[in-house]
Amino acid sequence: MPLCMRTSIDIDDALLAAAKSYAVRSQKTLEAVVEQALRELLSDSSRQLSDAPPIPVFCGLGVQPGVDLADNAALEDLMSARS
């Protein structure tokens, strides 16, 4: 049997009621429902993070003088002028 730790957490009343209802319908304990939900959440998160493409990194001198990164129209005009 895996090592277990007892803990206390605050859960929204409506969410707890829904979890208890789900536990009764699925004939599981509330503990089992919470553990299953956490396992699914954590496995999905780690899978999504590992499947994400790498973010490209560019080296250079930074933003050129006169370029405003907050002005989308000006950036589009600048990029169009270069192509």
PDB file of N, CA and C in Angstrom:
ATOM      1  N   MET A   1       0.845  -1.181   0.000  1.00  0.00           N
ATOM      2  CA  MET A   1       0.000   0.000   0.000  1.00  0.00           C
ATOM      3  C   MET A   1       0.890   1.244   0.000  1.00  0.00           C
ATOM      4  N   PRO A   2       0.589   2.213  -0.882  1.00  0.00           N
ATOM      5  CA  PRO A   2       1.421   3.416  -0.949  1.00  0.00           C
ATOM      6  C   PRO A   2       1.300   4.250   0.324  1.00  0.00           C
ATOM      7  N   LEU A   3       2.353   4.981   0.609  1.00  0.00           N
ATOM      8  CA  LEU A   3       2.379   5.854   1.770  1.00  0.00           C
ATOM      9  C   LEU A   3       1.384   6.990   1.552  1.00  0.00           C
ATOM     10  N   CYS A   4       0.531   7.258   2.514  1.00  0.00           N
ATOM     11  CA  CYS A   4      -0.479   8.307   2.400  1.00  0.00           C
ATOM     12  C   CYS A   4      -0.264   9.360   3.469  1.00  0.00           C
ATOM     13  N   MET A   5      -0.657  10.586   3.161  1.00  0.00           N
ATOM     14  CA  MET A   5      -0.525  11.689   4.102  1.00  0.00           C
ATOM     15  C   MET A   5      -1.898  12.304   4.304  1.00  0.00           C
ATOM     16  N   ARG A   6      -2.261  12.534   5.519  1.00  0.00           N
ATOM     17  CA  ARG A   6      -3.525  13.191   5.831  1.00  0.00           C
ATOM     18  C   ARG A   6      -3.293  14.696   5.763  1.00  0.00           C
ATOM     19  N   THR A   7      -4.245  15.405   5.134  1.00  0.00           N
ATOM     20  CA  THR A   7      -4.120  16.851   5.017  1.00  0.00           C
ATOM     21  C   THR A   7      -5.497  17.480   5.024  1.00  0.00           C
ATOM     22  N   SER A   8      -5.555  18.776   5.208  1.00  0.00           N
ATOM     23  CA  SER A   8      -6.816  19.523   5.159  1.00  0.00           C
ATOM     24  C   SER A   8      -6.699  20.588   4.092  1.00  0.00           C
ATOM     25  N   ILE A   9      -7.761  20.724   3.295  1.00  0.00           N
ATOM     26  CA  ILE A   9      -7.794  21.777   2.281  1.00  0.00           C
ATOM     27  C   ILE A   9      -9.187  22.393   2.278  1.00  0.00           C
ATOM     28  N   ASP A  10      -9.286  23.631   1.834  1.00  0.00           N
ATOM     29  CA  ASP A  10     -10.582  24.293   1.674  1.00  0.00           C
ATOM     30  C   ASP A  10     -11.034  24.086   0.236  1.00  0.00           C
ATOM     31  N   ILE A  11     -12.256  23.610   0.070  1.00  0.00           N
ATOM     32  CA  ILE A  11     -12.831  23.365  -1.254  1.00  0.00           C
ATOM     33  C   ILE A  11     -14.174  24.082  -1.329  1.00  0.00           C
ATOM     34  N   ASP A  12     -14.446  24.697  -2.446  1.00  0.00           N
ATOM     35  CA  ASP A  12     -15.720  25.349  -2.689  1.00  0.00           C
ATOM     36  C   ASP A  12     -16.864  24.377  -2.368  1.00  0.00           C
ATOM     37  N   ASP A  13     -17.891  24.856  -1.664  1.00  0.00           N
ATOM     38  CA  ASP A  13     -19.001  23.994  -1.236  1.00  0.00           C
ATOM     39  C   ASP A  13     -19.677  23.283  -2.405  1.00  0.00           C
ATOM     40  N   ALA A  14     -19.921  23.999  -3.495  1.00  0.00           N
ATOM     41  CA  ALA A  14     -20.592  23.384  -4.648  1.00  0.00           C
ATOM     42  C   ALA A  14     -19.710  22.314  -5.292  1.00  0.00           C
ATOM     43  N   LEU A  15     -18.411  22.570  -5.357  1.00  0.00           N
ATOM     44  CA  LEU A  15     -17.488  21.595  -5.937  1.00  0.00           C
ATOM     45  C   LEU A  15     -17.414  20.344  -5.069  1.00  0.00           C
ATOM     46  N   LEU A  16     -17.373  20.526  -3.763  1.00  0.00           N
ATOM     47  CA  LEU A  16     -17.343  19.389  -2.846  1.00  0.00           C
ATOM     48  C   LEU A  16     -18.625  18.575  -2.945  1.00  0.00           C
ATOM     49  N   ALA A  17     -19.762  19.245  -3.026  1.00  0.00           N
ATOM     50  CA  ALA A  17     -21.038  18.536  -3.159  1.00  0.00           C
ATOM     51  C   ALA A  17     -21.074  17.728  -4.451  1.00  0.00           C
ATOM     52  N   ALA A  18     -20.559  18.314  -5.536  1.00  0.00           N
ATOM     53  CA  ALA A  18     -20.526  17.599  -6.820  1.00  0.00           C
ATOM     54  C   ALA A  18     -19.592  16.399  -6.737  1.00  0.00           C
ATOM     55  N   ALA A  19     -18.467  16.549  -6.068  1.00  0.00           N
ATOM     56  CA  ALA A  19     -17.515  15.438  -5.926  1.00  0.00           C
ATOM     57  C   ALA A  19     -18.113  14.321  -5.082  1.00  0.00           C
ATOM     58  N   LYS A  20     -18.810  14.684  -4.005  1.00  0.00           N
ATOM     59  CA  LYS A  20     -19.455  13.669  -3.168  1.00  0.00           C
ATOM     60  C   LYS A  20     -20.540  12.937  -3.944  1.00  0.00           C
ATOM     61  N   SER A  21     -21.306  13.678  -4.712  1.00  0.00           N
ATOM     62  CA  SER A  21     -22.362  13.069  -5.530  1.00  0.00           C
ATOM     63  C   SER A  21     -21.766  12.112  -6.560  1.00  0.00           C
ATOM     64  N   TYR A  22     -20.686  12.531  -7.186  1.00  0.00           N
ATOM     65  CA  TYR A  22     -20.003  11.675  -8.159  1.00  0.00           C
ATOM     66  C   TYR A  22     -19.482  10.411  -7.482  1.00  0.00           C
ATOM     67  N   ALA A  23     -18.937  10.556  -6.289  1.00  0.00           N
ATOM     68  CA  ALA A  23     -18.407   9.412  -5.544  1.00  0.00           C
ATOM     69  C   ALA A  23     -19.518   8.396  -5.263  1.00  0.00           C
ATOM     70  N   VAL A  24     -20.677   8.880  -4.848  1.00  0.00           N
ATOM     71  CA  VAL A  24     -21.800   7.980  -4.566  1.00  0.00           C
ATOM     72  C   VAL A  24     -22.246   7.274  -5.849  1.00  0.00           C
ATOM     73  N   ARG A  25     -22.414   8.041  -6.933  1.00  0.00           N
ATOM     74  CA  ARG A  25     -22.865   7.448  -8.207  1.00  0.00           C
ATOM     75  C   ARG A  25     -21.882   6.421  -8.741  1.00  0.00           C
ATOM     76  N   SER A  26     -20.597   6.671  -8.555  1.00  0.00           N
ATOM     77  CA  SER A  26     -19.581   5.762  -9.097  1.00  0.00           C
ATOM     78  C   SER A  26     -19.137   4.710  -8.081  1.00  0.00           C
ATOM     79  N   GLN A  27     -19.789   4.718  -6.919  1.00  0.00           N
ATOM     80  CA  GLN A  27     -19.481   3.762  -5.844  1.00  0.00           C
ATOM     81  C   GLN A  27     -17.997   3.797  -5.455  1.00  0.00           C
ATOM     82  N   LYS A  28     -17.502   5.000  -5.289  1.00  0.00           N
ATOM     83  CA  LYS A  28     -16.120   5.224  -4.858  1.00  0.00           C
ATOM     84  C   LYS A  28     -16.138   6.090  -3.614  1.00  0.00           C
ATOM     85  N   THR A  29     -15.025   6.119  -2.919  1.00  0.00           N
ATOM     86  CA  THR A  29     -14.901   7.038  -1.790  1.00  0.00           C
ATOM     87  C   THR A  29     -14.561   8.427  -2.324  1.00  0.00           C
ATOM     88  N   LEU A  30     -14.848   9.431  -1.524  1.00  0.00           N
ATOM     89  CA  LEU A  30     -14.476  10.797  -1.901  1.00  0.00           C
ATOM     90  C   LEU A  30     -12.962  10.880  -2.078  1.00  0.00           C
ATOM     91  N   GLU A  31     -12.222  10.212  -1.214  1.00  0.00           N
ATOM     92  CA  GLU A  31     -10.762  10.188  -1.317  1.00  0.00           C
ATOM     93  C   GLU A  31     -10.323   9.655  -2.684  1.00  0.00           C
ATOM     94  N   ALA A  32     -10.939   8.565  -3.138  1.00  0.00           N
ATOM     95  CA  ALA A  32     -10.569   7.974  -4.423  1.00  0.00           C
ATOM     96  C   ALA A  32     -10.893   8.920  -5.582  1.00  0.00           C
ATOM     97  N   VAL A  33     -12.028   9.614  -5.477  1.00  0.00           N
ATOM     98  CA  VAL A  33     -12.424  10.560  -6.534  1.00  0.00           C
ATOM     99  C   VAL A  33     -11.423  11.712  -6.617  1.00  0.00           C
ATOM    100  N   VAL A  34     -11.046  12.263  -5.465  1.00  0.00           N
ATOM    101  CA  VAL A  34     -10.094  13.387  -5.442  1.00  0.00           C
ATOM    102  C   VAL A  34      -8.733  12.932  -5.968  1.00  0.00           C
ATOM    103  N   GLU A  35      -8.270  11.763  -5.534  1.00  0.00           N
ATOM    104  CA  GLU A  35      -6.982  11.251  -6.018  1.00  0.00           C
ATOM    105  C   GLU A  35      -7.003  11.039  -7.530  1.00  0.00           C
ATOM    106  N   GLN A  36      -8.094  10.455  -8.045  1.00  0.00           N
ATOM    107  CA  GLN A  36      -8.202  10.219  -9.485  1.00  0.00           C
ATOM    108  C   GLN A  36      -8.177  11.543 -10.256  1.00  0.00           C
ATOM    109  N   ALA A  37      -8.926  12.517  -9.760  1.00  0.00           N
ATOM    110  CA  ALA A  37      -8.971  13.822 -10.432  1.00  0.00           C
ATOM    111  C   ALA A  37      -7.598  14.483 -10.453  1.00  0.00           C
ATOM    112  N   LEU A  38      -6.882  14.405  -9.332  1.00  0.00           N
ATOM    113  CA  LEU A  38      -5.543  14.996  -9.276  1.00  0.00           C
ATOM    114  C   LEU A  38      -4.578  14.270 -10.208  1.00  0.00           C
ATOM    115  N   ARG A  39      -4.656  12.939 -10.228  1.00  0.00           N
ATOM    116  CA  ARG A  39      -3.773  12.179 -11.124  1.00  0.00           C
ATOM    117  C   ARG A  39      -4.025  12.552 -12.584  1.00  0.00           C
ATOM    118  N   GLU A  40      -5.302  12.646 -12.969  1.00  0.00           N
ATOM    119  CA  GLU A  40      -5.631  13.004 -14.354  1.00  0.00           C
ATOM    120  C   GLU A  40      -5.168  14.410 -14.690  1.00  0.00           C
ATOM    121  N   LEU A  41      -5.392  15.342 -13.782  1.00  0.00           N
ATOM    122  CA  LEU A  41      -4.965  16.720 -14.008  1.00  0.00           C
ATOM    123  C   LEU A  41      -3.458  16.808 -14.171  1.00  0.00           C
ATOM    124  N   LEU A  42      -2.735  16.164 -13.272  1.00  0.00           N
ATOM    125  CA  LEU A  42      -1.275  16.249 -13.307  1.00  0.00           C
ATOM    126  C   LEU A  42      -0.688  15.499 -14.494  1.00  0.00           C
ATOM    127  N   SER A  43      -1.272  14.386 -14.886  1.00  0.00           N
ATOM    128  CA  SER A  43      -0.737  13.667 -16.042  1.00  0.00           C
ATOM    129  C   SER A  43      -1.021  14.440 -17.321  1.00  0.00           C
ATOM    130  N   ASP A  44      -2.197  15.087 -17.435  1.00  0.00           N
ATOM    131  CA  ASP A  44      -2.506  15.893 -18.610  1.00  0.00           C
ATOM    132  C   ASP A  44      -1.579  17.096 -18.697  1.00  0.00           C
ATOM    133  N   SER A  45      -1.332  17.760 -17.564  1.00  0.00           N
ATOM    134  CA  SER A  45      -0.466  18.939 -17.562  1.00  0.00           C
ATOM    135  C   SER A  45       0.946  18.588 -17.985  1.00  0.00           C
ATOM    136  N   SER A  46       1.484  17.500 -17.447  1.00  0.00           N
ATOM    137  CA  SER A  46       2.858  17.142 -17.790  1.00  0.00           C
ATOM    138  C   SER A  46       2.949  16.707 -19.246  1.00  0.00           C
ATOM    139  N   ARG A  47       1.909  16.049 -19.753  1.00  0.00           N
ATOM    140  CA  ARG A  47       1.926  15.621 -21.150  1.00  0.00           C
ATOM    141  C   ARG A  47       1.870  16.835 -22.068  1.00  0.00           C
ATOM    142  N   GLN A  48       1.013  17.806 -21.744  1.00  0.00           N
ATOM    143  CA  GLN A  48       0.903  19.000 -22.569  1.00  0.00           C
ATOM    144  C   GLN A  48       2.201  19.799 -22.563  1.00  0.00           C
ATOM    145  N   LEU A  49       2.831  19.895 -21.409  1.00  0.00           N
ATOM    146  CA  LEU A  49       4.081  20.636 -21.332  1.00  0.00           C
ATOM    147  C   LEU A  49       5.183  19.960 -22.132  1.00  0.00           C
ATOM    148  N   SER A  50       5.254  18.637 -22.065  1.00  0.00           N
ATOM    149  CA  SER A  50       6.319  17.938 -22.768  1.00  0.00           C
ATOM    150  C   SER A  50       6.072  17.892 -24.268  1.00  0.00           C
ATOM    151  N   ASP A  51       4.800  17.992 -24.704  1.00  0.00           N
ATOM    152  CA  ASP A  51       4.474  17.952 -26.124  1.00  0.00           C
ATOM    153  C   ASP A  51       4.608  19.317 -26.794  1.00  0.00           C
ATOM    154  N   ALA A  52       4.783  20.338 -26.010  1.00  0.00           N
ATOM    155  CA  ALA A  52       4.867  21.679 -26.564  1.00  0.00           C
ATOM    156  C   ALA A  52       6.155  21.834 -27.370  1.00  0.00           C
ATOM    157  N   PRO A  53       6.075  22.511 -28.514  1.00  0.00           N
ATOM    158  CA  PRO A  53       7.294  22.714 -29.303  1.00  0.00           C
ATOM    159  C   PRO A  53       8.246  23.650 -28.563  1.00  0.00           C
ATOM    160  N   PRO A  54       9.523  23.518 -28.827  1.00  0.00           N
ATOM    161  CA  PRO A  54      10.475  24.404 -28.150  1.00  0.00           C
ATOM    162  C   PRO A  54      10.285  25.851 -28.607  1.00  0.00           C
ATOM    163  N   ILE A  55      10.513  26.761 -27.709  1.00  0.00           N
ATOM    164  CA  ILE A  55      10.402  28.182 -28.033  1.00  0.00           C
ATOM    165  C   ILE A  55      11.723  28.625 -28.634  1.00  0.00           C
ATOM    166  N   PRO A  56      11.679  29.213 -29.846  1.00  0.00           N
ATOM    167  CA  PRO A  56      12.934  29.629 -30.466  1.00  0.00           C
ATOM    168  C   PRO A  56      13.578  30.786 -29.695  1.00  0.00           C
ATOM    169  N   VAL A  57      14.890  30.778 -29.669  1.00  0.00           N
ATOM    170  CA  VAL A  57      15.644  31.822 -28.998  1.00  0.00           C
ATOM    171  C   VAL A  57      16.537  32.479 -30.039  1.00  0.00           C
ATOM    172  N   PHE A  58      16.499  33.780 -30.100  1.00  0.00           N
ATOM    173  CA  PHE A  58      17.290  34.522 -31.069  1.00  0.00           C
ATOM    174  C   PHE A  58      18.272  35.424 -30.338  1.00  0.00           C
ATOM    175  N   CYS A  59      19.456  35.541 -30.882  1.00  0.00           N
ATOM    176  CA  CYS A  59      20.451  36.432 -30.308  1.00  0.00           C
ATOM    177  C   CYS A  59      20.573  37.648 -31.215  1.00  0.00           C
ATOM    178  N   GLY A  60      20.854  38.744 -30.645  1.00  0.00           N
ATOM    179  CA  GLY A  60      20.987  39.949 -31.454  1.00  0.00           C
ATOM    180  C   GLY A  60      21.182  41.149 -30.572  1.00  0.00           C
ATOM    181  N   LEU A  61      20.925  42.297 -31.147  1.00  0.00           N
ATOM    182  CA  LEU A  61      21.140  43.549 -30.439  1.00  0.00           C
ATOM    183  C   LEU A  61      19.857  44.076 -29.806  1.00  0.00           C
ATOM    184  N   GLY A  62      18.797  43.291 -29.820  1.00  0.00           N
ATOM    185  CA  GLY A  62      17.539  43.731 -29.219  1.00  0.00           C
ATOM    186  C   GLY A  62      16.681  44.483 -30.208  1.00  0.00           C
ATOM    187  N   VAL A  63      15.766  45.256 -29.694  1.00  0.00           N
ATOM    188  CA  VAL A  63      14.830  46.005 -30.524  1.00  0.00           C
ATOM    189  C   VAL A  63      15.559  47.171 -31.180  1.00  0.00           C
ATOM    190  N   GLN A  64      15.305  47.339 -32.466  1.00  0.00           N
ATOM    191  CA  GLN A  64      15.935  48.430 -33.205  1.00  0.00           C
ATOM    192  C   GLN A  64      15.357  49.768 -32.766  1.00  0.00           C
ATOM    193  N   PRO A  65      16.152  50.825 -32.853  1.00  0.00           N
ATOM    194  CA  PRO A  65      15.669  52.156 -32.477  1.00  0.00           C
ATOM    195  C   PRO A  65      14.428  52.532 -33.286  1.00  0.00           C
ATOM    196  N   GLY A  66      13.442  53.101 -32.617  1.00  0.00           N
ATOM    197  CA  GLY A  66      12.225  53.544 -33.289  1.00  0.00           C
ATOM    198  C   GLY A  66      11.160  52.470 -33.417  1.00  0.00           C
ATOM    199  N   VAL A  67      11.442  51.235 -33.013  1.00  0.00           N
ATOM    200  CA  VAL A  67      10.459  50.162 -33.112  1.00  0.00           C
ATOM    201  C   VAL A  67       9.674  50.107 -31.808  1.00  0.00           C
ATOM    202  N   ASP A  68       8.339  50.202 -31.923  1.00  0.00           N
ATOM    203  CA  ASP A  68       7.460  50.130 -30.754  1.00  0.00           C
ATOM    204  C   ASP A  68       6.751  48.781 -30.776  1.00  0.00           C
ATOM    205  N   LEU A  69       7.146  47.862 -29.892  1.00  0.00           N
ATOM    206  CA  LEU A  69       6.577  46.519 -29.873  1.00  0.00           C
ATOM    207  C   LEU A  69       5.104  46.512 -29.486  1.00  0.00           C
ATOM    208  N   ALA A  70       4.602  47.581 -28.918  1.00  0.00           N
ATOM    209  CA  ALA A  70       3.201  47.664 -28.531  1.00  0.00           C
ATOM    210  C   ALA A  70       2.316  48.157 -29.670  1.00  0.00           C
ATOM    211  N   ASP A  71       2.909  48.582 -30.783  1.00  0.00           N
ATOM    212  CA  ASP A  71       2.150  49.117 -31.924  1.00  0.00           C
ATOM    213  C   ASP A  71       2.134  48.084 -33.040  1.00  0.00           C
ATOM    214  N   ASN A  72       1.070  47.261 -33.079  1.00  0.00           N
ATOM    215  CA  ASN A  72       0.984  46.188 -34.060  1.00  0.00           C
ATOM    216  C   ASN A  72       0.996  46.693 -35.502  1.00  0.00           C
ATOM    217  N   ALA A  73       0.294  47.778 -35.762  1.00  0.00           N
ATOM    218  CA  ALA A  73       0.223  48.313 -37.122  1.00  0.00           C
ATOM    219  C   ALA A  73       1.603  48.764 -37.596  1.00  0.00           C
ATOM    220  N   ALA A  74       2.339  49.437 -36.730  1.00  0.00           N
ATOM    221  CA  ALA A  74       3.677  49.895 -37.094  1.00  0.00           C
ATOM    222  C   ALA A  74       4.614  48.705 -37.316  1.00  0.00           C
ATOM    223  N   LEU A  75       4.482  47.666 -36.494  1.00  0.00           N
ATOM    224  CA  LEU A  75       5.312  46.478 -36.684  1.00  0.00           C
ATOM    225  C   LEU A  75       5.000  45.807 -38.011  1.00  0.00           C
ATOM    226  N   GLU A  76       3.707  45.715 -38.353  1.00  0.00           N
ATOM    227  CA  GLU A  76       3.319  45.095 -39.624  1.00  0.00           C
ATOM    228  C   GLU A  76       3.860  45.913 -40.798  1.00  0.00           C
ATOM    229  N   ASP A  77       3.770  47.234 -40.708  1.00  0.00           N
ATOM    230  CA  ASP A  77       4.312  48.090 -41.768  1.00  0.00           C
ATOM    231  C   ASP A  77       5.813  47.898 -41.915  1.00  0.00           C
ATOM    232  N   LEU A  78       6.519  47.817 -40.790  1.00  0.00           N
ATOM    233  CA  LEU A  78       7.964  47.628 -40.815  1.00  0.00           C
ATOM    234  C   LEU A  78       8.345  46.277 -41.442  1.00  0.00           C
ATOM    235  N   MET A  79       7.610  45.212 -41.059  1.00  0.00           N
ATOM    236  CA  MET A  79       7.906  43.885 -41.607  1.00  0.00           C
ATOM    237  C   MET A  79       7.564  43.817 -43.092  1.00  0.00           C
ATOM    238  N   SER A  80       6.496  44.473 -43.510  1.00  0.00           N
ATOM    239  CA  SER A  80       6.105  44.472 -44.923  1.00  0.00           C
ATOM    240  C   SER A  80       7.129  45.220 -45.771  1.00  0.00           C
ATOM    241  N   ALA A  81       7.686  46.296 -45.229  1.00  0.00           N
ATOM    242  CA  ALA A  81       8.665  47.086 -45.951  1.00  0.00           C
ATOM    243  C   ALA A  81       9.951  46.311 -46.194  1.00  0.00           C
ATOM    244  N   ARG A  82      10.278  45.361 -45.302  1.00  0.00           N
ATOM    245  CA  ARG A  82      11.516  44.587 -45.421  1.00  0.00           C
ATOM    246  C   ARG A  82      11.400  43.432 -46.385  1.00  0.00           C
ATOM    247  N   SER A  83      10.177  42.988 -46.716  1.00  0.00           N
ATOM    248  CA  SER A  83      10.053  41.803 -47.570  1.00  0.00           C
ATOM    249  C   SER A  83       9.930  42.133 -49.025  1.00  0.00           C
TER     250      SER A  83
END
